[in-house]
Amino acid sequence: MKTGLITSDTYQNHNTGEGHPEKIDRVTAVIDNFKKIDNKELIWKKPTKFDQSFLINTHSSEYIDLVSKSFPENGLAFLDGDTVVSPGSKEATKDAVGSIITAIDGVQDKEFENAFCAVRPPGHHAEKDKAMGFCIYNNIAVGANYLINKYKLNKVAIIDFDVHHGNGTQDIFYNDDSIFYFDIHQHPLYPQSGRPNEIGIGKGKGFTLNVDLPKGSGNTKLINAFKNKLTPAMEKFQPEFILVSAGFDSHQGDLLGQLNFTDVGYENIAIILSNIAKKYASGRKLYMLEGGYVAENISKSAEKIIGILTKDMGD
């Protein structure tokens, strides 16, 4: 089964400064590993340019203007205490957004059956009007809005297994019944949101499902949450496309998280997601790299997930 691997050289130019955990080797390790494996089912693509109007569906025009003016001519600048930009961040940020648009077009046009976007910076902390937690634009949210607006889909599911709650994605879709947002994360931990009582408001009430886990939870609690909470929710919602915020800082030994998931855990939930996608979404799904701060962990975990995508393993 053909899988799109969307990446770009520009991620290397997003300089976050010495000692910052969100660094170049996070993506380089993934790319180098897949070059070595040389999987014939992978279709390598670079992000295409996209219309700025696609950002306006997700972020305010004032915020987009602020970001566009923030990239320094030299050195580093800060959008918040953790979110750093450099001159090369401008193209890297555009390509991160462009990767999910390219991946969606590839799946919708049947160029490949599913996709994995290996780019940086990540996006799930970025709110409508604010950068946060290493994130500038909310790539996964732009993708969801793109599916709704361009392809006229009515139901899109976003699944987030980063160790940190995706407050930005939740914020953007909290009053929206066309997007179901499922987030499993560690609590207590930055950004201190994502409690089970946060379920959406207005027409979006009941379309947000948060599972917060204590540190040290391990694979069993991860897999049980996908089987016992996500699967019934998807049976009710029946998504037409599945977008996955794939953060590997929940991996055992990560620098910023302590959930102690392993490659086997990610492989198991990838199978569950493949089954859900086949049942309701004609198999349509894609993964977007979020966090994860040990390069080897990201590389091995991505390899397991793409192994499922290229074989479309399921029940």
Protein backbone atom coordinates (compact mmCIF):
# COMPACT_ATOMS: atom_id res chain seq x y z
CA MET A 1 0.00 0.00 0.00
CA LYS A 2 1.51 3.33 -1.07
CA THR A 3 2.24 5.85 1.68
CA GLY A 4 3.23 9.45 1.11
CA LEU A 5 6.25 10.63 3.10
CA ILE A 6 6.14 14.41 3.02
CA THR A 7 9.26 16.27 4.09
CA SER A 8 11.34 19.29 3.18
CA ASP A 9 14.94 20.43 3.43
CA THR A 10 13.83 23.73 4.95
CA TYR A 11 13.23 22.16 8.39
CA GLN A 12 17.04 22.27 8.78
CA ASN A 13 16.99 26.08 8.63
CA HIS A 14 14.59 26.48 11.57
CA ASN A 15 17.23 27.35 14.18
CA THR A 16 15.94 27.32 17.76
CA GLY A 17 19.27 28.02 19.42
CA GLU A 18 21.79 26.01 21.40
CA GLY A 19 20.27 23.71 24.02
CA HIS A 20 16.68 23.99 22.75
CA PRO A 21 15.01 20.53 22.67
CA GLU A 22 13.11 21.18 19.41
CA LYS A 23 16.06 20.73 17.09
CA ILE A 24 17.02 19.58 13.62
CA ASP A 25 17.94 15.97 14.39
CA ARG A 26 14.33 15.20 15.36
CA VAL A 27 13.45 15.09 11.67
CA THR A 28 16.85 14.19 10.24
CA ALA A 29 16.81 10.87 12.13
CA VAL A 30 13.45 9.95 10.59
CA ILE A 31 14.51 10.87 7.06
CA ASP A 32 17.90 9.16 7.24
CA ASN A 33 16.32 5.99 8.60
CA PHE A 34 13.79 5.74 5.76
CA LYS A 35 16.48 6.40 3.17
CA LYS A 36 18.38 3.46 4.64
CA ILE A 37 15.32 1.20 4.73
CA ASP A 38 14.38 2.17 1.14
CA ASN A 39 10.76 1.02 1.45
CA LYS A 40 9.38 0.69 -2.09
CA GLU A 41 5.88 1.54 -0.86
CA LEU A 42 6.94 5.06 0.14
CA ILE A 43 6.29 7.97 -2.18
CA TRP A 44 8.59 10.84 -1.20
CA LYS A 45 7.19 14.33 -1.75
CA LYS A 46 8.07 17.88 -0.84
CA PRO A 47 5.40 20.35 0.29
CA THR A 48 3.79 22.47 -2.38
CA LYS A 49 3.19 26.18 -2.00
CA PHE A 50 -0.23 27.03 -0.64
CA ASP A 51 -2.60 29.98 -0.64
CA GLN A 52 -2.36 32.12 2.51
CA SER A 53 -6.14 32.09 2.69
CA PHE A 54 -5.93 28.55 4.05
CA LEU A 55 -4.32 29.97 7.19
CA ILE A 56 -7.13 32.46 7.76
CA ASN A 57 -9.61 29.64 8.34
CA THR A 58 -7.51 28.62 11.36
CA HIS A 59 -5.66 31.70 12.63
CA SER A 60 -6.70 35.33 12.82
CA SER A 61 -5.37 37.71 10.17
CA GLU A 62 -3.78 39.78 12.98
CA TYR A 63 -1.83 36.75 14.21
CA ILE A 64 -0.75 35.75 10.70
CA ASP A 65 0.53 39.30 10.18
CA LEU A 66 2.37 39.21 13.52
CA VAL A 67 4.09 35.94 12.61
CA SER A 68 5.06 37.15 9.15
CA LYS A 69 6.80 40.17 10.70
CA SER A 70 8.50 38.16 13.46
CA PHE A 71 11.23 36.41 11.48
CA PRO A 72 14.53 38.22 12.13
CA GLU A 73 17.08 39.08 9.45
CA ASN A 74 19.71 37.47 11.65
CA GLY A 75 19.92 35.88 15.08
CA LEU A 76 16.90 34.63 17.00
CA ALA A 77 13.55 36.11 18.02
CA PHE A 78 10.94 34.84 20.48
CA LEU A 79 7.19 34.51 19.88
CA ASP A 80 6.85 33.35 23.47
CA GLY A 81 9.26 32.11 26.13
CA ASP A 82 9.67 28.72 24.42
CA THR A 83 8.93 29.46 20.77
CA VAL A 84 12.00 30.64 18.89
CA VAL A 85 12.29 31.77 15.28
CA SER A 86 15.30 32.48 13.09
CA PRO A 87 15.64 33.76 9.49
CA GLY A 88 15.23 30.21 8.16
CA SER A 89 12.08 29.63 10.19
CA LYS A 90 9.98 31.51 7.65
CA GLU A 91 10.24 28.85 4.93
CA ALA A 92 10.29 25.96 7.41
CA THR A 93 7.03 27.19 8.93
CA LYS A 94 5.41 27.53 5.50
CA ASP A 95 6.57 24.04 4.52
CA ALA A 96 5.23 22.54 7.75
CA VAL A 97 1.78 23.84 6.84
CA GLY A 98 2.29 22.99 3.16
CA SER A 99 3.16 19.40 4.05
CA ILE A 100 -0.26 18.58 5.45
CA ILE A 101 -1.99 20.24 2.50
CA THR A 102 0.20 18.24 0.10
CA ALA A 103 -0.52 15.05 2.06
CA ILE A 104 -4.27 15.64 2.02
CA ASP A 105 -4.28 16.35 -1.72
CA GLY A 106 -2.26 13.19 -2.32
CA VAL A 107 -4.71 11.04 -0.36
CA GLN A 108 -7.79 12.69 -1.86
CA ASP A 109 -6.40 12.35 -5.39
CA LYS A 110 -5.48 8.69 -4.68
CA GLU A 111 -1.79 9.28 -5.40
CA PHE A 112 -1.20 7.35 -2.18
CA GLU A 113 -3.52 5.78 0.40
CA ASN A 114 -2.20 7.53 3.51
CA ALA A 115 0.68 9.76 4.56
CA PHE A 116 3.24 10.76 7.19
CA CYS A 117 4.51 14.35 7.41
CA ALA A 118 8.05 14.56 8.82
CA VAL A 119 8.58 18.29 9.22
CA ARG A 120 9.13 20.93 11.89
CA PRO A 121 8.19 23.18 13.64
CA PRO A 122 5.31 21.31 15.31
CA GLY A 123 1.91 22.92 15.67
CA HIS A 124 -0.62 21.56 18.16
CA HIS A 125 0.00 24.18 20.89
CA ALA A 126 -0.57 27.13 18.54
CA GLU A 127 -3.93 28.75 19.25
CA LYS A 128 -5.96 30.95 16.94
CA ASP A 129 -4.13 34.09 18.09
CA LYS A 130 -1.05 32.83 19.90
CA ALA A 131 2.19 30.88 19.50
CA MET A 132 2.99 28.43 22.29
CA GLY A 133 5.24 25.53 23.17
CA PHE A 134 7.55 25.53 20.11
CA CYS A 135 4.49 25.86 17.79
CA ILE A 136 3.89 28.70 15.33
CA TYR A 137 1.03 27.67 13.04
CA ASN A 138 -1.29 24.82 13.97
CA ASN A 139 -0.52 22.48 11.07
CA ILE A 140 -3.08 19.80 11.96
CA ALA A 141 -5.85 22.37 12.43
CA VAL A 142 -5.06 23.96 9.06
CA GLY A 143 -5.35 20.49 7.55
CA ALA A 144 -8.72 19.83 9.18
CA ASN A 145 -10.12 23.14 7.95
CA TYR A 146 -8.70 22.42 4.49
CA LEU A 147 -10.62 19.14 4.36
CA ILE A 148 -13.83 20.88 5.45
CA ASN A 149 -13.50 23.87 3.13
CA LYS A 150 -11.89 22.47 -0.03
CA TYR A 151 -13.13 18.89 -0.03
CA LYS A 152 -16.46 19.61 1.66
CA LEU A 153 -16.10 16.86 4.24
CA ASN A 154 -18.52 17.00 7.14
CA LYS A 155 -16.69 14.97 9.78
CA VAL A 156 -12.95 14.97 10.48
CA ALA A 157 -11.32 13.31 13.49
CA ILE A 158 -8.09 14.60 15.02
CA ILE A 159 -6.23 12.14 17.25
CA ASP A 160 -3.39 13.52 19.39
CA PHE A 161 -1.06 11.26 21.39
CA ASP A 162 1.69 13.79 22.17
CA VAL A 163 2.67 13.75 25.86
CA HIS A 164 1.45 17.36 26.12
CA HIS A 165 -2.18 18.32 25.65
CA GLY A 166 -2.86 19.96 22.28
CA ASN A 167 -4.43 23.07 23.76
CA GLY A 168 -4.21 24.96 20.47
CA THR A 169 -6.11 22.37 18.47
CA GLN A 170 -8.74 22.09 21.18
CA ASP A 171 -9.07 25.87 21.34
CA ILE A 172 -9.59 26.22 17.59
CA PHE A 173 -12.32 23.55 17.36
CA TYR A 174 -13.93 23.77 20.80
CA ASN A 175 -17.21 25.10 19.39
CA ASP A 176 -17.24 22.97 16.23
CA ASP A 177 -19.23 19.77 15.63
CA SER A 178 -17.50 18.94 12.32
CA ILE A 179 -14.23 18.09 14.13
CA PHE A 180 -13.95 15.41 16.80
CA TYR A 181 -10.83 15.98 18.90
CA PHE A 182 -9.36 13.12 20.94
CA ASP A 183 -6.29 13.83 23.05
CA ILE A 184 -4.38 11.45 25.32
CA HIS A 185 -1.64 13.08 27.35
CA GLN A 186 0.21 13.23 30.66
CA HIS A 187 -1.23 15.18 33.59
CA PRO A 188 -0.04 17.18 35.41
CA LEU A 189 2.21 18.60 32.71
CA TYR A 190 2.48 21.63 30.42
CA PRO A 191 0.19 23.33 29.42
CA GLN A 192 -2.01 22.09 32.32
CA SER A 193 -5.13 21.81 30.16
CA GLY A 194 -7.00 18.83 28.75
CA ARG A 195 -8.96 17.58 31.72
CA PRO A 196 -11.77 15.06 31.13
CA ASN A 197 -14.43 17.69 31.89
CA GLU A 198 -13.27 19.73 28.87
CA ILE A 199 -15.72 18.37 26.29
CA GLY A 200 -16.45 21.36 24.04
CA ILE A 201 -18.99 24.16 24.16
CA GLY A 202 -22.01 25.19 22.10
CA LYS A 203 -22.47 23.03 19.05
CA GLY A 204 -19.06 21.50 19.80
CA LYS A 205 -20.18 20.09 23.14
CA GLY A 206 -19.38 16.38 23.23
CA PHE A 207 -16.92 16.59 20.33
CA THR A 208 -13.79 16.86 22.50
CA LEU A 209 -12.57 13.83 24.45
CA ASN A 210 -9.56 14.16 26.74
CA VAL A 211 -7.79 11.28 28.46
CA ASP A 212 -5.21 12.43 30.99
CA LEU A 213 -2.79 9.86 32.36
CA PRO A 214 -0.30 9.95 35.24
CA LYS A 215 3.39 9.58 34.55
CA GLY A 216 4.61 6.01 34.13
CA SER A 217 1.32 4.80 32.63
CA GLY A 218 2.87 2.65 29.89
CA ASN A 219 1.46 0.92 26.80
CA THR A 220 -1.46 -0.88 28.45
CA LYS A 221 -3.21 2.34 29.46
CA LEU A 222 -2.52 3.84 26.03
CA ILE A 223 -3.99 0.87 24.15
CA ASN A 224 -6.97 0.56 26.52
CA ALA A 225 -7.85 4.22 26.00
CA PHE A 226 -7.86 3.74 22.23
CA LYS A 227 -9.95 0.57 22.49
CA ASN A 228 -12.37 1.60 25.21
CA LYS A 229 -12.74 5.36 24.70
CA LEU A 230 -11.69 6.33 21.19
CA THR A 231 -13.20 3.38 19.32
CA PRO A 232 -16.75 3.83 20.72
CA ALA A 233 -16.54 7.58 20.11
CA MET A 234 -15.55 6.97 16.48
CA GLU A 235 -18.38 4.48 16.05
CA LYS A 236 -20.76 7.26 17.01
CA PHE A 237 -18.99 10.07 15.07
CA GLN A 238 -17.98 8.07 11.97
CA PRO A 239 -15.22 10.34 10.60
CA GLU A 240 -14.58 10.76 6.89
CA PHE A 241 -10.85 11.43 7.38
CA ILE A 242 -8.47 10.89 10.30
CA LEU A 243 -5.64 13.30 11.11
CA VAL A 244 -3.10 12.26 13.74
CA SER A 245 -0.92 14.59 15.80
CA ALA A 246 1.96 12.18 16.36
CA GLY A 247 4.05 13.35 19.28
CA PHE A 248 6.69 10.92 20.49
CA ASP A 249 7.59 12.74 23.70
CA SER A 250 5.29 10.19 25.35
CA HIS A 251 7.97 7.60 24.52
CA GLN A 252 9.92 5.95 27.32
CA GLY A 253 13.07 7.94 28.04
CA ASP A 254 11.99 11.20 26.41
CA LEU A 255 13.47 14.42 27.77
CA LEU A 256 10.14 16.16 28.46
CA GLY A 257 7.62 13.40 29.24
CA GLN A 258 7.25 10.33 31.45
CA LEU A 259 4.36 8.28 30.06
CA ASN A 260 6.74 5.44 29.13
CA PHE A 261 5.04 4.36 25.91
CA THR A 262 7.19 2.27 23.54
CA ASP A 263 7.42 1.54 19.83
CA VAL A 264 5.11 -1.45 20.38
CA GLY A 265 2.48 0.81 21.90
CA TYR A 266 2.54 3.17 18.93
CA GLU A 267 2.36 0.20 16.56
CA ASN A 268 -0.73 -1.11 18.33
CA ILE A 269 -2.59 2.19 18.20
CA ALA A 270 -1.62 2.61 14.54
CA ILE A 271 -3.41 -0.70 13.89
CA ILE A 272 -6.47 0.53 15.80
CA LEU A 273 -6.48 3.77 13.80
CA SER A 274 -6.12 1.84 10.54
CA ASN A 275 -9.18 -0.23 11.46
CA ILE A 276 -11.20 2.89 12.30
CA ALA A 277 -10.12 4.58 9.06
CA LYS A 278 -11.03 1.52 6.98
CA LYS A 279 -14.43 1.22 8.64
CA TYR A 280 -15.56 4.83 8.34
CA ALA A 281 -13.12 6.88 6.21
CA SER A 282 -12.26 4.63 3.25
CA GLY A 283 -8.82 4.24 4.84
CA ARG A 284 -8.04 7.95 4.60
CA LYS A 285 -5.60 9.05 7.30
CA LEU A 286 -2.35 10.90 7.79
CA TYR A 287 0.14 11.48 10.58
CA MET A 288 1.75 14.83 11.39
CA LEU A 289 4.90 14.95 13.51
CA GLU A 290 4.47 16.96 16.71
CA GLY A 291 6.79 16.57 19.73
CA GLY A 292 9.43 14.05 20.70
CA TYR A 293 12.89 15.05 21.81
CA VAL A 294 15.05 11.93 21.53
CA ALA A 295 15.82 11.48 17.83
CA GLU A 296 16.28 7.69 17.96
CA ASN A 297 12.89 7.23 19.67
CA ILE A 298 11.13 9.29 17.00
CA SER A 299 12.86 7.40 14.21
CA LYS A 300 12.00 3.94 15.56
CA SER A 301 8.41 4.91 16.37
CA ALA A 302 7.85 6.47 12.95
CA GLU A 303 9.25 3.31 11.37
CA LYS A 304 6.69 1.19 13.26
CA ILE A 305 3.80 3.43 12.25
CA ILE A 306 4.81 3.63 8.59
CA GLY A 307 5.20 -0.13 8.67
CA ILE A 308 1.49 -0.32 9.49
CA LEU A 309 0.57 2.35 6.93
CA THR A 310 2.38 0.65 4.06
CA LYS A 311 0.83 -2.73 4.90
CA ASP A 312 -2.50 -1.28 6.09
CA MET A 313 -2.50 -3.88 8.83
CA GLY A 314 -5.67 -4.31 10.83
CA ASP A 315 -8.10 -6.94 12.00
